[in-house]
Amino acid sequence: MDTVLVTGATGTVGSALIPALQARGGTVRAMTRGRPVDGVETVTADLQDPASVAAALKGVDAVFLNSPSAADAAELQIQFANLARDAGVNRLVLLSQYAARADSPVRFLRWHAEVEAHVEKIGLDYTVLRPNLYLQGLLNFSATIAQGFLAAPIGDAAVSVIDTRDISAAAAAVLTSSGHSGRTYTLTGPRAVTHTEIAAALSAATGRDIAFHDAPADQFAAALTGLLPSWQIGGLVEDYAHYARGEAAEVHTSVADLTGRPARDLTDFALDYAAAFAAL
């Protein structure tokens, strides 16, 4: 069985991808910046250190490329893809983002499109996964949700949000089966939902009243100031403007097509994570 290198192995997607690969018979090598991963070979490497990445890629057949949020994320992923090609890696699965395109007004979507374009031209067997807004991203709002409200600059726009466990399951399917070369899969949940519906689902799951507040973009940015760097806050404001324009509501069947089971619904996520949104 091929050895798969999982970057971002301790992150939300990577940590779920490892057992999903193992369940499919895959041999996993986890790449981290020092934290060991139980049950698999772990290598310490940093995307900003090409020599460590080159060492991590030795003897690897396939790679899952995901990088932490960084202002130079596109540059780092392009460098990683080149190193993977030079190491003789046979297959690269790239985690991108829903609606990535070079002319997007959203910086993150432009950055992802740049990486996609590079991977396409360097001669690797590649597959692109474009997931929509992560449901697990709601965990970043757990402090306010615990106080009874969820706030974001999105109005009543619907988004086909996805559970990250389904992203991992789809990635595992692509990494352990054939027929995906050169393909791009858009990954979404089974329906588009508004943030009012998200708040209602969390209310039902926790047995508490949780309301959605449509926050102005400047207020949203101000709440994040000091918690995130300015480039990331700016990018998130652009992301939410993209959602608010109704540009992320399409539903795709790729999760079911790849994994053989439907994508998890918002209500499934809310029930599974209810304890994380408990009152403080």
Protein backbone atom coordinates (compact mmCIF):
# COMPACT_ATOMS: atom_id res chain seq x y z
CA MET A 1 0.00 0.00 0.00
CA ASP A 2 1.24 3.51 -0.85
CA THR A 3 2.65 5.75 1.85
CA VAL A 4 0.74 9.03 2.17
CA LEU A 5 2.35 12.11 3.73
CA VAL A 6 -0.26 14.22 5.52
CA THR A 7 0.73 17.85 6.06
CA GLY A 8 -1.07 19.79 8.76
CA ALA A 9 -1.48 16.44 10.50
CA THR A 10 -2.58 17.92 13.83
CA GLY A 11 -5.09 20.33 12.30
CA THR A 12 -8.84 19.92 12.00
CA VAL A 13 -8.76 18.25 8.58
CA GLY A 14 -5.45 16.42 8.93
CA SER A 15 -6.25 14.85 12.29
CA ALA A 16 -9.45 13.33 10.86
CA LEU A 17 -7.75 12.36 7.59
CA ILE A 18 -5.23 10.07 9.28
CA PRO A 19 -7.77 7.56 10.70
CA ALA A 20 -9.79 7.83 7.48
CA LEU A 21 -6.73 6.77 5.49
CA GLN A 22 -5.95 3.97 7.93
CA ALA A 23 -9.52 2.69 7.63
CA ARG A 24 -8.92 2.39 3.89
CA GLY A 25 -5.66 0.50 4.41
CA GLY A 26 -3.35 3.42 3.80
CA THR A 27 0.11 3.80 5.33
CA VAL A 28 0.41 7.26 6.83
CA ARG A 29 3.35 9.53 7.56
CA ALA A 30 2.26 12.57 9.58
CA MET A 31 4.12 15.83 9.05
CA THR A 32 4.05 18.18 12.05
CA ARG A 33 6.16 20.96 13.49
CA GLY A 34 7.17 18.77 16.41
CA ARG A 35 4.04 17.33 17.95
CA PRO A 36 3.91 13.51 17.62
CA VAL A 37 0.82 11.79 16.24
CA ASP A 38 -0.15 8.55 17.92
CA GLY A 39 -0.25 5.38 15.85
CA VAL A 40 1.60 6.60 12.75
CA GLU A 41 5.09 7.57 11.69
CA THR A 42 5.62 11.25 12.50
CA VAL A 43 8.20 13.49 10.84
CA THR A 44 9.07 16.98 12.02
CA ALA A 45 9.13 19.52 9.22
CA ASP A 46 8.11 23.10 8.56
CA LEU A 47 6.92 24.44 5.21
CA GLN A 48 9.29 27.37 5.72
CA ASP A 49 12.25 24.95 5.91
CA PRO A 50 12.69 23.30 2.48
CA ALA A 51 15.36 20.88 3.70
CA SER A 52 13.04 19.48 6.37
CA VAL A 53 10.22 19.13 3.84
CA ALA A 54 12.51 17.34 1.37
CA ALA A 55 13.48 14.88 4.11
CA ALA A 56 9.83 14.29 5.01
CA LEU A 57 9.01 13.52 1.36
CA LYS A 58 11.59 10.74 0.98
CA GLY A 59 9.94 7.42 0.11
CA VAL A 60 6.47 8.93 -0.09
CA ASP A 61 4.03 7.91 -2.84
CA ALA A 62 1.28 10.49 -2.30
CA VAL A 63 0.85 13.73 -0.37
CA PHE A 64 -2.03 15.71 1.07
CA LEU A 65 -1.11 19.38 0.93
CA ASN A 66 -2.70 21.74 3.40
CA SER A 67 -0.93 24.65 5.04
CA PRO A 68 -1.56 26.75 8.12
CA SER A 69 -2.92 30.24 7.52
CA ALA A 70 0.00 32.48 6.65
CA ALA A 71 0.52 35.60 4.59
CA ASP A 72 2.88 33.60 2.33
CA ALA A 73 0.76 30.43 2.24
CA ALA A 74 0.60 30.34 -1.58
CA GLU A 75 4.38 30.68 -1.90
CA LEU A 76 4.94 27.94 0.69
CA GLN A 77 2.52 25.53 -0.99
CA ILE A 78 4.08 26.15 -4.41
CA GLN A 79 7.51 25.44 -2.94
CA PHE A 80 6.17 22.23 -1.35
CA ALA A 81 4.66 21.08 -4.65
CA ASN A 82 8.00 21.58 -6.40
CA LEU A 83 9.79 19.61 -3.68
CA ALA A 84 7.21 16.81 -4.00
CA ARG A 85 7.78 16.66 -7.75
CA ASP A 86 11.56 16.59 -7.26
CA ALA A 87 11.20 13.79 -4.70
CA GLY A 88 9.34 11.61 -7.21
CA VAL A 89 5.98 11.74 -5.46
CA ASN A 90 3.32 10.14 -7.64
CA ARG A 91 0.18 11.92 -6.46
CA LEU A 92 -0.65 15.23 -4.82
CA VAL A 93 -4.03 16.13 -3.36
CA LEU A 94 -4.36 19.86 -2.79
CA LEU A 95 -6.75 21.37 -0.27
CA SER A 96 -8.00 24.57 -1.88
CA GLN A 97 -11.21 26.58 -1.30
CA TYR A 98 -14.69 26.84 -2.80
CA ALA A 99 -14.80 29.29 -5.73
CA ALA A 100 -11.02 29.78 -5.96
CA ARG A 101 -10.22 31.92 -8.98
CA ALA A 102 -7.43 34.24 -10.05
CA ASP A 103 -9.66 37.30 -10.47
CA SER A 104 -11.56 36.94 -7.19
CA PRO A 105 -11.89 40.02 -4.96
CA VAL A 106 -11.16 37.65 -2.04
CA ARG A 107 -7.43 37.36 -1.41
CA PHE A 108 -7.64 33.81 -0.06
CA LEU A 109 -9.41 32.64 -3.21
CA ARG A 110 -6.77 34.30 -5.40
CA TRP A 111 -4.01 32.64 -3.39
CA HIS A 112 -5.61 29.21 -3.72
CA ALA A 113 -6.10 29.74 -7.45
CA GLU A 114 -2.40 30.58 -7.80
CA VAL A 115 -1.41 27.30 -6.15
CA GLU A 116 -3.92 25.33 -8.25
CA ALA A 117 -2.51 26.83 -11.47
CA HIS A 118 1.04 25.96 -10.46
CA VAL A 119 0.24 22.38 -9.45
CA GLU A 120 -1.54 21.86 -12.77
CA LYS A 121 1.54 22.71 -14.81
CA ILE A 122 4.42 20.94 -13.02
CA GLY A 123 3.71 17.40 -14.17
CA LEU A 124 2.38 15.79 -11.00
CA ASP A 125 -0.67 13.55 -10.84
CA TYR A 126 -2.85 15.97 -8.90
CA THR A 127 -6.38 16.40 -7.57
CA VAL A 128 -7.88 19.60 -6.15
CA LEU A 129 -10.42 19.65 -3.33
CA ARG A 130 -12.38 22.88 -2.90
CA PRO A 131 -14.36 22.78 0.35
CA ASN A 132 -16.83 25.46 1.35
CA LEU A 133 -17.04 27.19 4.75
CA TYR A 134 -16.13 24.77 7.56
CA LEU A 135 -18.80 24.07 10.16
CA GLN A 136 -15.98 23.48 12.63
CA GLY A 137 -15.09 27.14 12.13
CA LEU A 138 -18.01 27.84 14.43
CA LEU A 139 -15.82 26.60 17.28
CA ASN A 140 -13.89 29.87 16.92
CA PHE A 141 -17.11 31.63 17.95
CA SER A 142 -17.76 29.32 20.91
CA ALA A 143 -17.20 32.07 23.51
CA THR A 144 -19.99 34.28 22.16
CA ILE A 145 -22.21 31.29 21.33
CA ALA A 146 -21.87 30.21 24.96
CA GLN A 147 -23.16 33.69 25.85
CA GLY A 148 -26.18 33.17 23.59
CA PHE A 149 -25.32 34.73 20.25
CA LEU A 150 -23.48 34.21 16.96
CA ALA A 151 -22.39 37.33 15.07
CA ALA A 152 -21.05 37.67 11.53
CA PRO A 153 -21.37 40.10 8.58
CA ILE A 154 -23.41 37.79 6.37
CA GLY A 155 -27.06 38.84 6.61
CA ASP A 156 -29.53 36.22 5.45
CA ALA A 157 -27.29 34.71 2.77
CA ALA A 158 -27.18 30.92 2.65
CA VAL A 159 -23.90 28.95 2.48
CA SER A 160 -23.50 25.24 1.70
CA VAL A 161 -21.33 24.73 4.79
CA ILE A 162 -19.43 21.48 5.22
CA ASP A 163 -18.30 19.36 8.15
CA THR A 164 -14.52 18.95 8.08
CA ARG A 165 -14.91 15.23 8.77
CA ASP A 166 -16.43 14.95 5.31
CA ILE A 167 -13.51 16.84 3.78
CA SER A 168 -11.17 14.30 5.37
CA ALA A 169 -13.28 11.37 4.18
CA ALA A 170 -13.30 12.72 0.63
CA ALA A 171 -9.54 13.30 0.72
CA ALA A 172 -8.96 9.75 1.96
CA ALA A 173 -11.04 8.38 -0.91
CA VAL A 174 -9.09 10.37 -3.50
CA LEU A 175 -5.72 9.42 -1.98
CA THR A 176 -6.48 5.69 -1.92
CA SER A 177 -8.30 5.15 -5.22
CA SER A 178 -7.77 5.82 -8.92
CA GLY A 179 -9.62 7.93 -11.44
CA HIS A 180 -9.07 11.34 -9.88
CA SER A 181 -6.09 12.64 -11.85
CA GLY A 182 -6.55 16.24 -12.94
CA ARG A 183 -9.97 16.47 -11.31
CA THR A 184 -11.30 19.30 -9.16
CA TYR A 185 -13.99 18.45 -6.61
CA THR A 186 -16.09 21.10 -4.90
CA LEU A 187 -17.02 19.86 -1.44
CA THR A 188 -20.18 21.09 0.29
CA GLY A 189 -22.76 19.98 2.78
CA PRO A 190 -26.14 18.61 1.66
CA ARG A 191 -27.89 22.01 1.73
CA ALA A 192 -27.24 25.72 1.96
CA VAL A 193 -28.12 27.27 5.32
CA THR A 194 -28.28 30.77 6.77
CA HIS A 195 -26.59 31.78 9.98
CA THR A 196 -30.05 32.16 11.50
CA GLU A 197 -30.60 28.47 10.72
CA ILE A 198 -27.19 27.66 12.19
CA ALA A 199 -28.12 29.46 15.41
CA ALA A 200 -31.44 27.57 15.50
CA ALA A 201 -29.68 24.22 15.06
CA LEU A 202 -27.24 25.04 17.86
CA SER A 203 -30.17 26.11 20.05
CA ALA A 204 -31.94 22.80 19.46
CA ALA A 205 -28.79 20.77 20.13
CA THR A 206 -27.80 22.60 23.31
CA GLY A 207 -31.27 23.28 24.69
CA ARG A 208 -30.41 26.97 24.93
CA ASP A 209 -31.52 30.12 23.13
CA ILE A 210 -28.80 31.15 20.68
CA ALA A 211 -29.51 34.10 18.38
CA PHE A 212 -27.80 35.26 15.20
CA HIS A 213 -26.74 38.91 15.02
CA ASP A 214 -25.85 40.37 11.63
CA ALA A 215 -22.73 42.35 12.49
CA PRO A 216 -21.35 45.17 10.32
CA ALA A 217 -18.02 44.26 8.73
CA ASP A 218 -16.12 46.94 10.67
CA GLN A 219 -17.54 45.69 13.97
CA PHE A 220 -16.64 42.12 13.02
CA ALA A 221 -13.08 43.21 12.20
CA ALA A 222 -12.79 45.20 15.43
CA ALA A 223 -13.79 42.15 17.47
CA LEU A 224 -10.94 40.19 15.88
CA THR A 225 -8.32 42.90 16.30
CA GLY A 226 -5.57 41.68 18.59
CA LEU A 227 -6.64 38.06 18.12
CA LEU A 228 -5.53 37.72 14.49
CA PRO A 229 -3.01 39.55 12.29
CA SER A 230 -4.41 42.35 10.14
CA TRP A 231 -3.94 40.48 6.84
CA GLN A 232 -6.01 37.57 8.14
CA ILE A 233 -8.77 39.85 9.46
CA GLY A 234 -8.91 41.59 6.09
CA GLY A 235 -9.14 38.25 4.34
CA LEU A 236 -11.94 37.03 6.60
CA VAL A 237 -13.92 40.22 5.97
CA GLU A 238 -13.53 39.57 2.23
CA ASP A 239 -14.60 35.94 2.75
CA TYR A 240 -17.78 36.98 4.54
CA ALA A 241 -18.57 39.61 1.90
CA HIS A 242 -18.31 36.79 -0.65
CA TYR A 243 -20.74 34.70 1.41
CA ALA A 244 -23.08 37.66 1.91
CA ARG A 245 -23.29 38.17 -1.86
CA GLY A 246 -24.77 34.68 -2.14
CA GLU A 247 -21.74 33.31 -3.96
CA ALA A 248 -21.27 30.21 -1.81
CA ALA A 249 -24.72 28.61 -1.83
CA GLU A 250 -24.36 25.95 -4.52
CA VAL A 251 -24.67 22.35 -3.32
CA HIS A 252 -22.43 19.70 -4.85
CA THR A 253 -22.64 15.92 -4.47
CA SER A 254 -18.89 15.25 -4.43
CA VAL A 255 -18.78 14.02 -0.82
CA ALA A 256 -21.40 11.35 -1.52
CA ASP A 257 -19.89 10.55 -4.92
CA LEU A 258 -16.42 10.01 -3.44
CA THR A 259 -17.27 8.38 -0.11
CA GLY A 260 -20.50 6.53 -0.86
CA ARG A 261 -22.44 8.27 1.91
CA PRO A 262 -24.19 11.62 2.20
CA ALA A 263 -22.43 14.64 3.59
CA ARG A 264 -23.24 15.41 7.22
CA ASP A 265 -26.01 17.92 7.79
CA LEU A 266 -25.81 20.99 10.02
CA THR A 267 -28.02 19.20 12.54
CA ASP A 268 -25.53 16.31 12.75
CA PHE A 269 -22.70 18.74 13.46
CA ALA A 270 -24.72 20.62 16.08
CA LEU A 271 -25.55 17.45 17.99
CA ASP A 272 -22.00 16.10 17.82
CA TYR A 273 -20.45 19.36 19.04
CA ALA A 274 -23.17 20.53 21.44
CA ALA A 275 -20.86 20.26 24.45
CA ALA A 276 -18.39 22.67 22.85
CA PHE A 277 -21.06 25.37 22.81
CA ALA A 278 -22.21 24.90 26.39
CA ALA A 279 -22.73 27.97 28.53
CA LEU A 280 -19.60 29.18 30.29
